Each structure stands twice: as C-alpha cells, then as structure tokens.
Amino acid sequence: MPEYINTLPEMKPFRRKLRKNMTAAEVALWILIKNKQLNGERFLRQFSVGHFIVDFYCTKYKLAIELDGAGHFTTEGREYDAMRTEYLNSLGVKVIRFENVDVFNYPMQVLEEIKKNLT
C-alpha cells in the first residue's frame, strides 16, 4: 500500500467537481462546521482517502463524516458504503453517517454527535 494515500493528485478533478456541486445537505452542514466553528477543529470538504472521497474530514481525529441521500438506501448503495467504510476503517479512519434529512431537521443533534466523535 502506498505511504501517501490522502489527496492523491489523480483525485483532484473529482474532488473539485464535488466541491462545486455539493448537495443541499452538504452545504447546510458545511455552513455549520467550516472555519473551525465546531470545537475549533478544522474540517475539509470532499477529501480523498485513497480512491474514495468522503464528504467531510477532520485530519486531527481521522474522522470522516458522510451524508446519505436516496442512493445510499438501495442494496447496492449499502453494499458499496459497507465496503468503503471497511477500507477507511482499515486505515484508522472512523466514519460516521447521517441521513440528509437529519442535517435539516436536527442540525444541533448532528453537531453534538460529531463532537462526541472528536476524540
């Protein structure tokens, strides 16, 4: 396995495209966590780990935050997410997931859950 796996140069166009086309839920959460607003911690958006791109990432705690919309609730989506999470966990990255609707309906609970995982 390569020593350097974060932000691989070949992933840059994909990261850039995803940043320019964030979902409404991603924008809503980004507004709440950008600029070290949450516990003074820095989060990056559309960060790549190997050949996977996570929605948000805190490098200090190796914490990936994923927001799940309709595509994640299919059999294929669940299988892909499980495989992806297993890979990220194998690298020491903790993955937490929220449904898009939770970001809109319960933003403070989402932030509290993120805070609990900053350890």
PDB file of N, CA and C in Angstrom:
ATOM      1  N   MET A   1       0.856  -1.177   0.000  1.00  0.00           N
ATOM      2  CA  MET A   1       0.000   0.000   0.000  1.00  0.00           C
ATOM      3  C   MET A   1       0.899   1.237   0.000  1.00  0.00           C
ATOM      4  N   PRO A   2       0.564   2.274  -0.808  1.00  0.00           N
ATOM      5  CA  PRO A   2       1.403   3.460  -0.847  1.00  0.00           C
ATOM      6  C   PRO A   2       1.413   4.169   0.494  1.00  0.00           C
ATOM      7  N   GLU A   3       2.551   4.802   0.776  1.00  0.00           N
ATOM      8  CA  GLU A   3       2.691   5.512   2.041  1.00  0.00           C
ATOM      9  C   GLU A   3       1.787   6.733   2.079  1.00  0.00           C
ATOM     10  N   TYR A   4       1.648   7.415   0.960  1.00  0.00           N
ATOM     11  CA  TYR A   4       0.855   8.640   0.880  1.00  0.00           C
ATOM     12  C   TYR A   4      -0.441   8.335   0.154  1.00  0.00           C
ATOM     13  N   ILE A   5      -1.569   8.359   0.866  1.00  0.00           N
ATOM     14  CA  ILE A   5      -2.829   7.992   0.222  1.00  0.00           C
ATOM     15  C   ILE A   5      -3.875   9.102   0.259  1.00  0.00           C
ATOM     16  N   ASN A   6      -3.641  10.144   1.058  1.00  0.00           N
ATOM     17  CA  ASN A   6      -4.622  11.234   1.126  1.00  0.00           C
ATOM     18  C   ASN A   6      -4.402  12.224  -0.002  1.00  0.00           C
ATOM     19  N   THR A   7      -5.481  12.746  -0.515  1.00  0.00           N
ATOM     20  CA  THR A   7      -5.487  13.741  -1.590  1.00  0.00           C
ATOM     21  C   THR A   7      -4.555  13.363  -2.746  1.00  0.00           C
ATOM     22  N   LEU A   8      -4.728  12.163  -3.244  1.00  0.00           N
ATOM     23  CA  LEU A   8      -3.941  11.726  -4.400  1.00  0.00           C
ATOM     24  C   LEU A   8      -4.166  12.699  -5.557  1.00  0.00           C
ATOM     25  N   PRO A   9      -3.109  13.068  -6.269  1.00  0.00           N
ATOM     26  CA  PRO A   9      -3.250  14.038  -7.361  1.00  0.00           C
ATOM     27  C   PRO A   9      -4.295  13.646  -8.405  1.00  0.00           C
ATOM     28  N   GLU A  10      -4.410  12.364  -8.695  1.00  0.00           N
ATOM     29  CA  GLU A  10      -5.380  11.937  -9.717  1.00  0.00           C
ATOM     30  C   GLU A  10      -6.822  12.100  -9.262  1.00  0.00           C
ATOM     31  N   MET A  11      -7.028  12.311  -7.973  1.00  0.00           N
ATOM     32  CA  MET A  11      -8.379  12.506  -7.443  1.00  0.00           C
ATOM     33  C   MET A  11      -8.798  13.975  -7.440  1.00  0.00           C
ATOM     34  N   LYS A  12      -7.862  14.876  -7.701  1.00  0.00           N
ATOM     35  CA  LYS A  12      -8.145  16.309  -7.627  1.00  0.00           C
ATOM     36  C   LYS A  12      -9.324  16.758  -8.484  1.00  0.00           C
ATOM     37  N   PRO A  13      -9.430  16.332  -9.749  1.00  0.00           N
ATOM     38  CA  PRO A  13     -10.579  16.779 -10.552  1.00  0.00           C
ATOM     39  C   PRO A  13     -11.924  16.319  -9.972  1.00  0.00           C
ATOM     40  N   PHE A  14     -11.952  15.130  -9.400  1.00  0.00           N
ATOM     41  CA  PHE A  14     -13.186  14.615  -8.804  1.00  0.00           C
ATOM     42  C   PHE A  14     -13.547  15.398  -7.544  1.00  0.00           C
ATOM     43  N   ARG A  15     -12.528  15.683  -6.720  1.00  0.00           N
ATOM     44  CA  ARG A  15     -12.774  16.467  -5.500  1.00  0.00           C
ATOM     45  C   ARG A  15     -13.302  17.849  -5.863  1.00  0.00           C
ATOM     46  N   ARG A  16     -12.670  18.472  -6.837  1.00  0.00           N
ATOM     47  CA  ARG A  16     -13.069  19.815  -7.265  1.00  0.00           C
ATOM     48  C   ARG A  16     -14.505  19.816  -7.779  1.00  0.00           C
ATOM     49  N   LYS A  17     -14.845  18.818  -8.595  1.00  0.00           N
ATOM     50  CA  LYS A  17     -16.201  18.731  -9.140  1.00  0.00           C
ATOM     51  C   LYS A  17     -17.230  18.572  -8.018  1.00  0.00           C
ATOM     52  N   LEU A  18     -16.928  17.710  -7.044  1.00  0.00           N
ATOM     53  CA  LEU A  18     -17.855  17.505  -5.931  1.00  0.00           C
ATOM     54  C   LEU A  18     -17.999  18.764  -5.072  1.00  0.00           C
ATOM     55  N   ARG A  19     -16.911  19.511  -4.886  1.00  0.00           N
ATOM     56  CA  ARG A  19     -16.996  20.756  -4.108  1.00  0.00           C
ATOM     57  C   ARG A  19     -17.882  21.781  -4.810  1.00  0.00           C
ATOM     58  N   LYS A  20     -17.803  21.814  -6.114  1.00  0.00           N
ATOM     59  CA  LYS A  20     -18.605  22.776  -6.882  1.00  0.00           C
ATOM     60  C   LYS A  20     -20.070  22.361  -6.975  1.00  0.00           C
ATOM     61  N   ASN A  21     -20.354  21.081  -6.728  1.00  0.00           N
ATOM     62  CA  ASN A  21     -21.712  20.560  -6.870  1.00  0.00           C
ATOM     63  C   ASN A  21     -22.193  19.887  -5.586  1.00  0.00           C
ATOM     64  N   MET A  22     -21.989  20.548  -4.475  1.00  0.00           N
ATOM     65  CA  MET A  22     -22.398  19.970  -3.193  1.00  0.00           C
ATOM     66  C   MET A  22     -23.919  19.865  -3.119  1.00  0.00           C
ATOM     67  N   THR A  23     -24.392  18.846  -2.415  1.00  0.00           N
ATOM     68  CA  THR A  23     -25.829  18.708  -2.209  1.00  0.00           C
ATOM     69  C   THR A  23     -26.288  19.771  -1.211  1.00  0.00           C
ATOM     70  N   ALA A  24     -27.583  19.982  -1.134  1.00  0.00           N
ATOM     71  CA  ALA A  24     -28.119  20.968  -0.187  1.00  0.00           C
ATOM     72  C   ALA A  24     -27.754  20.593   1.252  1.00  0.00           C
ATOM     73  N   ALA A  25     -27.800  19.307   1.566  1.00  0.00           N
ATOM     74  CA  ALA A  25     -27.443  18.859   2.918  1.00  0.00           C
ATOM     75  C   ALA A  25     -25.965  19.111   3.206  1.00  0.00           C
ATOM     76  N   GLU A  26     -25.104  18.864   2.225  1.00  0.00           N
ATOM     77  CA  GLU A  26     -23.679  19.129   2.407  1.00  0.00           C
ATOM     78  C   GLU A  26     -23.427  20.612   2.641  1.00  0.00           C
ATOM     79  N   VAL A  27     -24.097  21.456   1.881  1.00  0.00           N
ATOM     80  CA  VAL A  27     -23.947  22.909   2.064  1.00  0.00           C
ATOM     81  C   VAL A  27     -24.405  23.304   3.463  1.00  0.00           C
ATOM     82  N   ALA A  28     -25.544  22.776   3.885  1.00  0.00           N
ATOM     83  CA  ALA A  28     -26.092  23.119   5.204  1.00  0.00           C
ATOM     84  C   ALA A  28     -25.126  22.724   6.323  1.00  0.00           C
ATOM     85  N   LEU A  29     -24.540  21.526   6.242  1.00  0.00           N
ATOM     86  CA  LEU A  29     -23.597  21.113   7.278  1.00  0.00           C
ATOM     87  C   LEU A  29     -22.295  21.894   7.177  1.00  0.00           C
ATOM     88  N   TRP A  30     -21.829  22.145   5.969  1.00  0.00           N
ATOM     89  CA  TRP A  30     -20.590  22.888   5.771  1.00  0.00           C
ATOM     90  C   TRP A  30     -20.681  24.274   6.416  1.00  0.00           C
ATOM     91  N   ILE A  31     -21.814  24.921   6.291  1.00  0.00           N
ATOM     92  CA  ILE A  31     -22.007  26.242   6.901  1.00  0.00           C
ATOM     93  C   ILE A  31     -21.793  26.165   8.416  1.00  0.00           C
ATOM     94  N   LEU A  32     -22.132  25.037   9.018  1.00  0.00           N
ATOM     95  CA  LEU A  32     -22.031  24.874  10.472  1.00  0.00           C
ATOM     96  C   LEU A  32     -20.655  24.440  10.972  1.00  0.00           C
ATOM     97  N   ILE A  33     -19.845  23.828  10.097  1.00  0.00           N
ATOM     98  CA  ILE A  33     -18.564  23.295  10.580  1.00  0.00           C
ATOM     99  C   ILE A  33     -17.334  23.955   9.958  1.00  0.00           C
ATOM    100  N   LYS A  34     -17.513  24.765   8.929  1.00  0.00           N
ATOM    101  CA  LYS A  34     -16.341  25.366   8.294  1.00  0.00           C
ATOM    102  C   LYS A  34     -15.717  26.421   9.211  1.00  0.00           C
ATOM    103  N   ASN A  35     -14.518  26.819   8.884  1.00  0.00           N
ATOM    104  CA  ASN A  35     -13.793  27.870   9.612  1.00  0.00           C
ATOM    105  C   ASN A  35     -13.642  27.580  11.098  1.00  0.00           C
ATOM    106  N   LYS A  36     -13.452  26.322  11.431  1.00  0.00           N
ATOM    107  CA  LYS A  36     -13.204  25.904  12.823  1.00  0.00           C
ATOM    108  C   LYS A  36     -14.320  26.297  13.789  1.00  0.00           C
ATOM    109  N   GLN A  37     -15.557  26.313  13.286  1.00  0.00           N
ATOM    110  CA  GLN A  37     -16.696  26.696  14.121  1.00  0.00           C
ATOM    111  C   GLN A  37     -17.093  25.622  15.126  1.00  0.00           C
ATOM    112  N   LEU A  38     -16.735  24.385  14.880  1.00  0.00           N
ATOM    113  CA  LEU A  38     -17.130  23.290  15.765  1.00  0.00           C
ATOM    114  C   LEU A  38     -15.922  22.874  16.601  1.00  0.00           C
ATOM    115  N   ASN A  39     -15.938  23.229  17.859  1.00  0.00           N
ATOM    116  CA  ASN A  39     -14.863  22.890  18.807  1.00  0.00           C
ATOM    117  C   ASN A  39     -13.488  23.379  18.351  1.00  0.00           C
ATOM    118  N   GLY A  40     -13.447  24.352  17.479  1.00  0.00           N
ATOM    119  CA  GLY A  40     -12.175  24.863  16.985  1.00  0.00           C
ATOM    120  C   GLY A  40     -11.436  23.905  16.066  1.00  0.00           C
ATOM    121  N   GLU A  41     -12.126  22.879  15.589  1.00  0.00           N
ATOM    122  CA  GLU A  41     -11.484  21.864  14.740  1.00  0.00           C
ATOM    123  C   GLU A  41     -11.682  22.188  13.267  1.00  0.00           C
ATOM    124  N   ARG A  42     -10.673  21.870  12.490  1.00  0.00           N
ATOM    125  CA  ARG A  42     -10.704  22.120  11.050  1.00  0.00           C
ATOM    126  C   ARG A  42     -11.274  20.906  10.324  1.00  0.00           C
ATOM    127  N   PHE A  43     -12.276  21.163   9.516  1.00  0.00           N
ATOM    128  CA  PHE A  43     -12.864  20.134   8.664  1.00  0.00           C
ATOM    129  C   PHE A  43     -12.594  20.495   7.212  1.00  0.00           C
ATOM    130  N   LEU A  44     -12.358  19.489   6.419  1.00  0.00           N
ATOM    131  CA  LEU A  44     -12.165  19.654   4.984  1.00  0.00           C
ATOM    132  C   LEU A  44     -13.359  19.033   4.292  1.00  0.00           C
ATOM    133  N   ARG A  45     -13.745  19.585   3.162  1.00  0.00           N
ATOM    134  CA  ARG A  45     -14.866  19.012   2.428  1.00  0.00           C
ATOM    135  C   ARG A  45     -14.359  18.305   1.193  1.00  0.00           C
ATOM    136  N   GLN A  46     -15.055  17.234   0.856  1.00  0.00           N
ATOM    137  CA  GLN A  46     -14.717  16.411  -0.311  1.00  0.00           C
ATOM    138  C   GLN A  46     -13.230  16.057  -0.294  1.00  0.00           C
ATOM    139  N   PHE A  47     -12.833  15.371   0.741  1.00  0.00           N
ATOM    140  CA  PHE A  47     -11.446  14.972   0.981  1.00  0.00           C
ATOM    141  C   PHE A  47     -11.261  13.532   0.515  1.00  0.00           C
ATOM    142  N   SER A  48     -10.155  13.272  -0.162  1.00  0.00           N
ATOM    143  CA  SER A  48      -9.954  11.902  -0.652  1.00  0.00           C
ATOM    144  C   SER A  48      -8.988  11.131   0.243  1.00  0.00           C
ATOM    145  N   VAL A  49      -9.373   9.888   0.464  1.00  0.00           N
ATOM    146  CA  VAL A  49      -8.545   8.918   1.169  1.00  0.00           C
ATOM    147  C   VAL A  49      -8.433   7.741   0.214  1.00  0.00           C
ATOM    148  N   GLY A  50      -7.257   7.523  -0.299  1.00  0.00           N
ATOM    149  CA  GLY A  50      -7.109   6.542  -1.362  1.00  0.00           C
ATOM    150  C   GLY A  50      -7.942   7.004  -2.549  1.00  0.00           C
ATOM    151  N   HIS A  51      -8.704   6.097  -3.113  1.00  0.00           N
ATOM    152  CA  HIS A  51      -9.543   6.454  -4.260  1.00  0.00           C
ATOM    153  C   HIS A  51     -11.001   6.695  -3.866  1.00  0.00           C
ATOM    154  N   PHE A  52     -11.217   6.978  -2.597  1.00  0.00           N
ATOM    155  CA  PHE A  52     -12.552   7.310  -2.104  1.00  0.00           C
ATOM    156  C   PHE A  52     -12.572   8.763  -1.649  1.00  0.00           C
ATOM    157  N   ILE A  53     -13.696   9.412  -1.856  1.00  0.00           N
ATOM    158  CA  ILE A  53     -13.862  10.797  -1.430  1.00  0.00           C
ATOM    159  C   ILE A  53     -14.944  10.821  -0.357  1.00  0.00           C
ATOM    160  N   VAL A  54     -14.584  11.378   0.796  1.00  0.00           N
ATOM    161  CA  VAL A  54     -15.548  11.499   1.886  1.00  0.00           C
ATOM    162  C   VAL A  54     -16.103  12.920   1.878  1.00  0.00           C
ATOM    163  N   ASP A  55     -17.328  13.074   2.363  1.00  0.00           N
ATOM    164  CA  ASP A  55     -17.972  14.387   2.333  1.00  0.00           C
ATOM    165  C   ASP A  55     -17.203  15.413   3.161  1.00  0.00           C
ATOM    166  N   PHE A  56     -16.861  15.053   4.400  1.00  0.00           N
ATOM    167  CA  PHE A  56     -16.119  15.947   5.288  1.00  0.00           C
ATOM    168  C   PHE A  56     -15.105  15.125   6.061  1.00  0.00           C
ATOM    169  N   TYR A  57     -13.989  15.769   6.417  1.00  0.00           N
ATOM    170  CA  TYR A  57     -12.918  15.043   7.085  1.00  0.00           C
ATOM    171  C   TYR A  57     -12.194  15.950   8.060  1.00  0.00           C
ATOM    172  N   CYS A  58     -11.949  15.430   9.257  1.00  0.00           N
ATOM    173  CA  CYS A  58     -11.129  16.114  10.258  1.00  0.00           C
ATOM    174  C   CYS A  58      -9.834  15.313  10.377  1.00  0.00           C
ATOM    175  N   THR A  59      -8.745  15.870   9.885  1.00  0.00           N
ATOM    176  CA  THR A  59      -7.473  15.141   9.858  1.00  0.00           C
ATOM    177  C   THR A  59      -6.946  14.852  11.260  1.00  0.00           C
ATOM    178  N   LYS A  60      -7.140  15.771  12.173  1.00  0.00           N
ATOM    179  CA  LYS A  60      -6.625  15.602  13.536  1.00  0.00           C
ATOM    180  C   LYS A  60      -7.149  14.327  14.184  1.00  0.00           C
ATOM    181  N   TYR A  61      -8.411  14.012  13.962  1.00  0.00           N
ATOM    182  CA  TYR A  61      -9.040  12.848  14.578  1.00  0.00           C
ATOM    183  C   TYR A  61      -9.299  11.708  13.597  1.00  0.00           C
ATOM    184  N   LYS A  62      -8.870  11.878  12.347  1.00  0.00           N
ATOM    185  CA  LYS A  62      -9.120  10.871  11.302  1.00  0.00           C
ATOM    186  C   LYS A  62     -10.602  10.495  11.300  1.00  0.00           C
ATOM    187  N   LEU A  63     -11.443  11.534  11.258  1.00  0.00           N
ATOM    188  CA  LEU A  63     -12.891  11.365  11.303  1.00  0.00           C
ATOM    189  C   LEU A  63     -13.501  11.775   9.968  1.00  0.00           C
ATOM    190  N   ALA A  64     -14.198  10.836   9.348  1.00  0.00           N
ATOM    191  CA  ALA A  64     -14.917  11.106   8.102  1.00  0.00           C
ATOM    192  C   ALA A  64     -16.395  11.225   8.419  1.00  0.00           C
ATOM    193  N   ILE A  65     -17.035  12.229   7.833  1.00  0.00           N
ATOM    194  CA  ILE A  65     -18.474  12.432   8.000  1.00  0.00           C
ATOM    195  C   ILE A  65     -19.112  12.241   6.637  1.00  0.00           C
ATOM    196  N   GLU A  66     -20.075  11.351   6.597  1.00  0.00           N
ATOM    197  CA  GLU A  66     -20.793  11.061   5.356  1.00  0.00           C
ATOM    198  C   GLU A  66     -22.256  11.430   5.506  1.00  0.00           C
ATOM    199  N   LEU A  67     -22.800  12.069   4.494  1.00  0.00           N
ATOM    200  CA  LEU A  67     -24.228  12.394   4.451  1.00  0.00           C
ATOM    201  C   LEU A  67     -24.871  11.493   3.407  1.00  0.00           C
ATOM    202  N   ASP A  68     -25.924  10.823   3.807  1.00  0.00           N
ATOM    203  CA  ASP A  68     -26.553   9.831   2.946  1.00  0.00           C
ATOM    204  C   ASP A  68     -27.900  10.303   2.427  1.00  0.00           C
ATOM    205  N   GLY A  69     -28.013  10.302   1.104  1.00  0.00           N
ATOM    206  CA  GLY A  69     -29.283  10.581   0.441  1.00  0.00           C
ATOM    207  C   GLY A  69     -29.853   9.290  -0.112  1.00  0.00           C
ATOM    208  N   ALA A  70     -30.810   9.404  -0.994  1.00  0.00           N
ATOM    209  CA  ALA A  70     -31.564   8.255  -1.513  1.00  0.00           C
ATOM    210  C   ALA A  70     -30.678   7.152  -2.085  1.00  0.00           C
ATOM    211  N   GLY A  71     -29.623   7.490  -2.775  1.00  0.00           N
ATOM    212  CA  GLY A  71     -28.761   6.493  -3.405  1.00  0.00           C
ATOM    213  C   GLY A  71     -28.097   5.542  -2.426  1.00  0.00           C
ATOM    214  N   HIS A  72     -28.025   5.929  -1.174  1.00  0.00           N
ATOM    215  CA  HIS A  72     -27.368   5.103  -0.168  1.00  0.00           C
ATOM    216  C   HIS A  72     -28.306   4.050   0.420  1.00  0.00           C
ATOM    217  N   PHE A  73     -29.584   4.148   0.125  1.00  0.00           N
ATOM    218  CA  PHE A  73     -30.560   3.266   0.752  1.00  0.00           C
ATOM    219  C   PHE A  73     -30.985   2.103  -0.142  1.00  0.00           C
ATOM    220  N   THR A  74     -30.276   1.908  -1.229  1.00  0.00           N
ATOM    221  CA  THR A  74     -30.509   0.749  -2.087  1.00  0.00           C
ATOM    222  C   THR A  74     -29.594  -0.382  -1.619  1.00  0.00           C
ATOM    223  N   THR A  75     -29.848  -1.578  -2.082  1.00  0.00           N
ATOM    224  CA  THR A  75     -28.976  -2.705  -1.739  1.00  0.00           C
ATOM    225  C   THR A  75     -27.553  -2.429  -2.209  1.00  0.00           C
ATOM    226  N   GLU A  76     -27.417  -1.960  -3.441  1.00  0.00           N
ATOM    227  CA  GLU A  76     -26.093  -1.665  -3.987  1.00  0.00           C
ATOM    228  C   GLU A  76     -25.414  -0.556  -3.195  1.00  0.00           C
ATOM    229  N   GLY A  77     -26.182   0.464  -2.838  1.00  0.00           N
ATOM    230  CA  GLY A  77     -25.635   1.577  -2.075  1.00  0.00           C
ATOM    231  C   GLY A  77     -25.130   1.145  -0.711  1.00  0.00           C
ATOM    232  N   ARG A  78     -25.908   0.313  -0.035  1.00  0.00           N
ATOM    233  CA  ARG A  78     -25.499  -0.192   1.289  1.00  0.00           C
ATOM    234  C   ARG A  78     -24.240  -1.050   1.188  1.00  0.00           C
ATOM    235  N   GLU A  79     -24.181  -1.900   0.162  1.00  0.00           N
ATOM    236  CA  GLU A  79     -23.008  -2.764  -0.022  1.00  0.00           C
ATOM    237  C   GLU A  79     -21.763  -1.929  -0.320  1.00  0.00           C
ATOM    238  N   TYR A  80     -21.909  -0.934  -1.185  1.00  0.00           N
ATOM    239  CA  TYR A  80     -20.781  -0.062  -1.517  1.00  0.00           C
ATOM    240  C   TYR A  80     -20.320   0.704  -0.272  1.00  0.00           C
ATOM    241  N   ASP A  81     -21.264   1.257   0.473  1.00  0.00           N
ATOM    242  CA  ASP A  81     -20.920   2.000   1.687  1.00  0.00           C
ATOM    243  C   ASP A  81     -20.205   1.111   2.697  1.00  0.00           C
ATOM    244  N   ALA A  82     -20.666  -0.129   2.848  1.00  0.00           N
ATOM    245  CA  ALA A  82     -20.042  -1.057   3.795  1.00  0.00           C
ATOM    246  C   ALA A  82     -18.605  -1.365   3.379  1.00  0.00           C
ATOM    247  N   MET A  83     -18.387  -1.612   2.094  1.00  0.00           N
ATOM    248  CA  MET A  83     -17.044  -1.901   1.591  1.00  0.00           C
ATOM    249  C   MET A  83     -16.135  -0.690   1.772  1.00  0.00           C
ATOM    250  N   ARG A  84     -16.648   0.465   1.464  1.00  0.00           N
ATOM    251  CA  ARG A  84     -15.901   1.713   1.588  1.00  0.00           C
ATOM    252  C   ARG A  84     -15.547   1.991   3.043  1.00  0.00           C
ATOM    253  N   THR A  85     -16.510   1.823   3.938  1.00  0.00           N
ATOM    254  CA  THR A  85     -16.273   2.046   5.363  1.00  0.00           C
ATOM    255  C   THR A  85     -15.238   1.059   5.892  1.00  0.00           C
ATOM    256  N   GLU A  86     -15.326  -0.173   5.474  1.00  0.00           N
ATOM    257  CA  GLU A  86     -14.342  -1.177   5.899  1.00  0.00           C
ATOM    258  C   GLU A  86     -12.937  -0.765   5.476  1.00  0.00           C
ATOM    259  N   TYR A  87     -12.792  -0.305   4.248  1.00  0.00           N
ATOM    260  CA  TYR A  87     -11.492   0.158   3.760  1.00  0.00           C
ATOM    261  C   TYR A  87     -10.994   1.342   4.588  1.00  0.00           C
ATOM    262  N   LEU A  88     -11.846   2.337   4.803  1.00  0.00           N
ATOM    263  CA  LEU A  88     -11.443   3.516   5.562  1.00  0.00           C
ATOM    264  C   LEU A  88     -11.083   3.137   6.997  1.00  0.00           C
ATOM    265  N   ASN A  89     -11.885   2.271   7.619  1.00  0.00           N
ATOM    266  CA  ASN A  89     -11.578   1.805   8.976  1.00  0.00           C
ATOM    267  C   ASN A  89     -10.229   1.095   9.025  1.00  0.00           C
ATOM    268  N   SER A  90      -9.895   0.346   7.973  1.00  0.00           N
ATOM    269  CA  SER A  90      -8.618  -0.372   7.948  1.00  0.00           C
ATOM    270  C   SER A  90      -7.428   0.590   7.952  1.00  0.00           C
ATOM    271  N   LEU A  91      -7.674   1.831   7.568  1.00  0.00           N
ATOM    272  CA  LEU A  91      -6.632   2.857   7.578  1.00  0.00           C
ATOM    273  C   LEU A  91      -6.686   3.709   8.847  1.00  0.00           C
ATOM    274  N   GLY A  92      -7.572   3.325   9.759  1.00  0.00           N
ATOM    275  CA  GLY A  92      -7.693   4.067  11.006  1.00  0.00           C
ATOM    276  C   GLY A  92      -8.635   5.256  10.927  1.00  0.00           C
ATOM    277  N   VAL A  93      -9.402   5.348   9.847  1.00  0.00           N
ATOM    278  CA  VAL A  93     -10.366   6.438   9.684  1.00  0.00           C
ATOM    279  C   VAL A  93     -11.708   5.986  10.244  1.00  0.00           C
ATOM    280  N   LYS A  94     -12.251   6.773  11.158  1.00  0.00           N
ATOM    281  CA  LYS A  94     -13.575   6.489  11.710  1.00  0.00           C
ATOM    282  C   LYS A  94     -14.602   7.179  10.828  1.00  0.00           C
ATOM    283  N   VAL A  95     -15.659   6.469  10.466  1.00  0.00           N
ATOM    284  CA  VAL A  95     -16.699   7.010   9.589  1.00  0.00           C
ATOM    285  C   VAL A  95     -17.999   7.118  10.380  1.00  0.00           C
ATOM    286  N   ILE A  96     -18.585   8.315  10.363  1.00  0.00           N
ATOM    287  CA  ILE A  96     -19.923   8.472  10.933  1.00  0.00           C
ATOM    288  C   ILE A  96     -20.839   8.946   9.814  1.00  0.00           C
ATOM    289  N   ARG A  97     -22.085   8.486   9.872  1.00  0.00           N
ATOM    290  CA  ARG A  97     -23.039   8.754   8.804  1.00  0.00           C
ATOM    291  C   ARG A  97     -24.291   9.411   9.360  1.00  0.00           C
ATOM    292  N   PHE A  98     -24.842  10.304   8.549  1.00  0.00           N
ATOM    293  CA  PHE A  98     -26.109  10.954   8.857  1.00  0.00           C
ATOM    294  C   PHE A  98     -26.959  10.954   7.606  1.00  0.00           C
ATOM    295  N   GLU A  99     -28.258  10.832   7.786  1.00  0.00           N
ATOM    296  CA  GLU A  99     -29.151  10.989   6.652  1.00  0.00           C
ATOM    297  C   GLU A  99     -29.275  12.477   6.355  1.00  0.00           C
ATOM    298  N   ASN A 100     -29.440  12.812   5.086  1.00  0.00           N
ATOM    299  CA  ASN A 100     -29.570  14.216   4.691  1.00  0.00           C
ATOM    300  C   ASN A 100     -30.658  14.932   5.490  1.00  0.00           C
ATOM    301  N   VAL A 101     -31.784  14.273   5.696  1.00  0.00           N
ATOM    302  CA  VAL A 101     -32.902  14.916   6.394  1.00  0.00           C
ATOM    303  C   VAL A 101     -32.531  15.291   7.816  1.00  0.00           C
ATOM    304  N   ASP A 102     -31.628  14.530   8.440  1.00  0.00           N
ATOM    305  CA  ASP A 102     -31.200  14.858   9.803  1.00  0.00           C
ATOM    306  C   ASP A 102     -30.474  16.193   9.867  1.00  0.00           C
ATOM    307  N   VAL A 103     -29.707  16.498   8.837  1.00  0.00           N
ATOM    308  CA  VAL A 103     -28.983  17.775   8.799  1.00  0.00           C
ATOM    309  C   VAL A 103     -29.972  18.931   8.794  1.00  0.00           C
ATOM    310  N   PHE A 104     -31.076  18.771   8.087  1.00  0.00           N
ATOM    311  CA  PHE A 104     -32.083  19.833   8.018  1.00  0.00           C
ATOM    312  C   PHE A 104     -32.987  19.872   9.248  1.00  0.00           C
ATOM    313  N   ASN A 105     -33.408  18.692   9.705  1.00  0.00           N
ATOM    314  CA  ASN A 105     -34.386  18.624  10.786  1.00  0.00           C
ATOM    315  C   ASN A 105     -33.785  18.682  12.186  1.00  0.00           C
ATOM    316  N   TYR A 106     -32.566  18.177  12.341  1.00  0.00           N
ATOM    317  CA  TYR A 106     -31.941  18.090  13.664  1.00  0.00           C
ATOM    318  C   TYR A 106     -30.472  18.529  13.626  1.00  0.00           C
ATOM    319  N   PRO A 107     -30.192  19.716  13.142  1.00  0.00           N
ATOM    320  CA  PRO A 107     -28.788  20.122  12.981  1.00  0.00           C
ATOM    321  C   PRO A 107     -27.989  20.122  14.283  1.00  0.00           C
ATOM    322  N   MET A 108     -28.598  20.513  15.389  1.00  0.00           N
ATOM    323  CA  MET A 108     -27.863  20.556  16.658  1.00  0.00           C
ATOM    324  C   MET A 108     -27.517  19.146  17.139  1.00  0.00           C
ATOM    325  N   GLN A 109     -28.396  18.180  16.907  1.00  0.00           N
ATOM    326  CA  GLN A 109     -28.094  16.799  17.274  1.00  0.00           C
ATOM    327  C   GLN A 109     -26.958  16.238  16.404  1.00  0.00           C
ATOM    328  N   VAL A 110     -26.967  16.609  15.135  1.00  0.00           N
ATOM    329  CA  VAL A 110     -25.891  16.183  14.233  1.00  0.00           C
ATOM    330  C   VAL A 110     -24.564  16.744  14.740  1.00  0.00           C
ATOM    331  N   LEU A 111     -24.546  18.023  15.087  1.00  0.00           N
ATOM    332  CA  LEU A 111     -23.313  18.640  15.589  1.00  0.00           C
ATOM    333  C   LEU A 111     -22.859  17.994  16.897  1.00  0.00           C
ATOM    334  N   GLU A 112     -23.786  17.681  17.764  1.00  0.00           N
ATOM    335  CA  GLU A 112     -23.433  17.025  19.036  1.00  0.00           C
ATOM    336  C   GLU A 112     -22.824  15.653  18.785  1.00  0.00           C
ATOM    337  N   GLU A 113     -23.387  14.924  17.844  1.00  0.00           N
ATOM    338  CA  GLU A 113     -22.840  13.589  17.523  1.00  0.00           C
ATOM    339  C   GLU A 113     -21.439  13.720  16.935  1.00  0.00           C
ATOM    340  N   ILE A 114     -21.218  14.705  16.088  1.00  0.00           N
ATOM    341  CA  ILE A 114     -19.882  14.934  15.550  1.00  0.00           C
ATOM    342  C   ILE A 114     -18.915  15.246  16.690  1.00  0.00           C
ATOM    343  N   LYS A 115     -19.318  16.131  17.593  1.00  0.00           N
ATOM    344  CA  LYS A 115     -18.465  16.481  18.746  1.00  0.00           C
ATOM    345  C   LYS A 115     -18.075  15.260  19.557  1.00  0.00           C
ATOM    346  N   LYS A 116     -19.030  14.350  19.771  1.00  0.00           N
ATOM    347  CA  LYS A 116     -18.753  13.124  20.541  1.00  0.00           C
ATOM    348  C   LYS A 116     -17.659  12.287  19.890  1.00  0.00           C
ATOM    349  N   ASN A 117     -17.523  12.411  18.585  1.00  0.00           N
ATOM    350  CA  ASN A 117     -16.545  11.600  17.843  1.00  0.00           C
ATOM    351  C   ASN A 117     -15.219  12.308  17.638  1.00  0.00           C
ATOM    352  N   LEU A 118     -15.062  13.475  18.186  1.00  0.00           N
ATOM    353  CA  LEU A 118     -13.799  14.199  18.109  1.00  0.00           C
ATOM    354  C   LEU A 118     -12.921  13.788  19.292  1.00  0.00           C
ATOM    355  N   THR A 119     -12.496  12.548  19.245  1.00  0.00           N
ATOM    356  CA  THR A 119     -11.645  12.018  20.332  1.00  0.00           C
ATOM    357  C   THR A 119     -10.527  11.183  19.767  1.00  0.00           C
TER     358      THR A 119
END
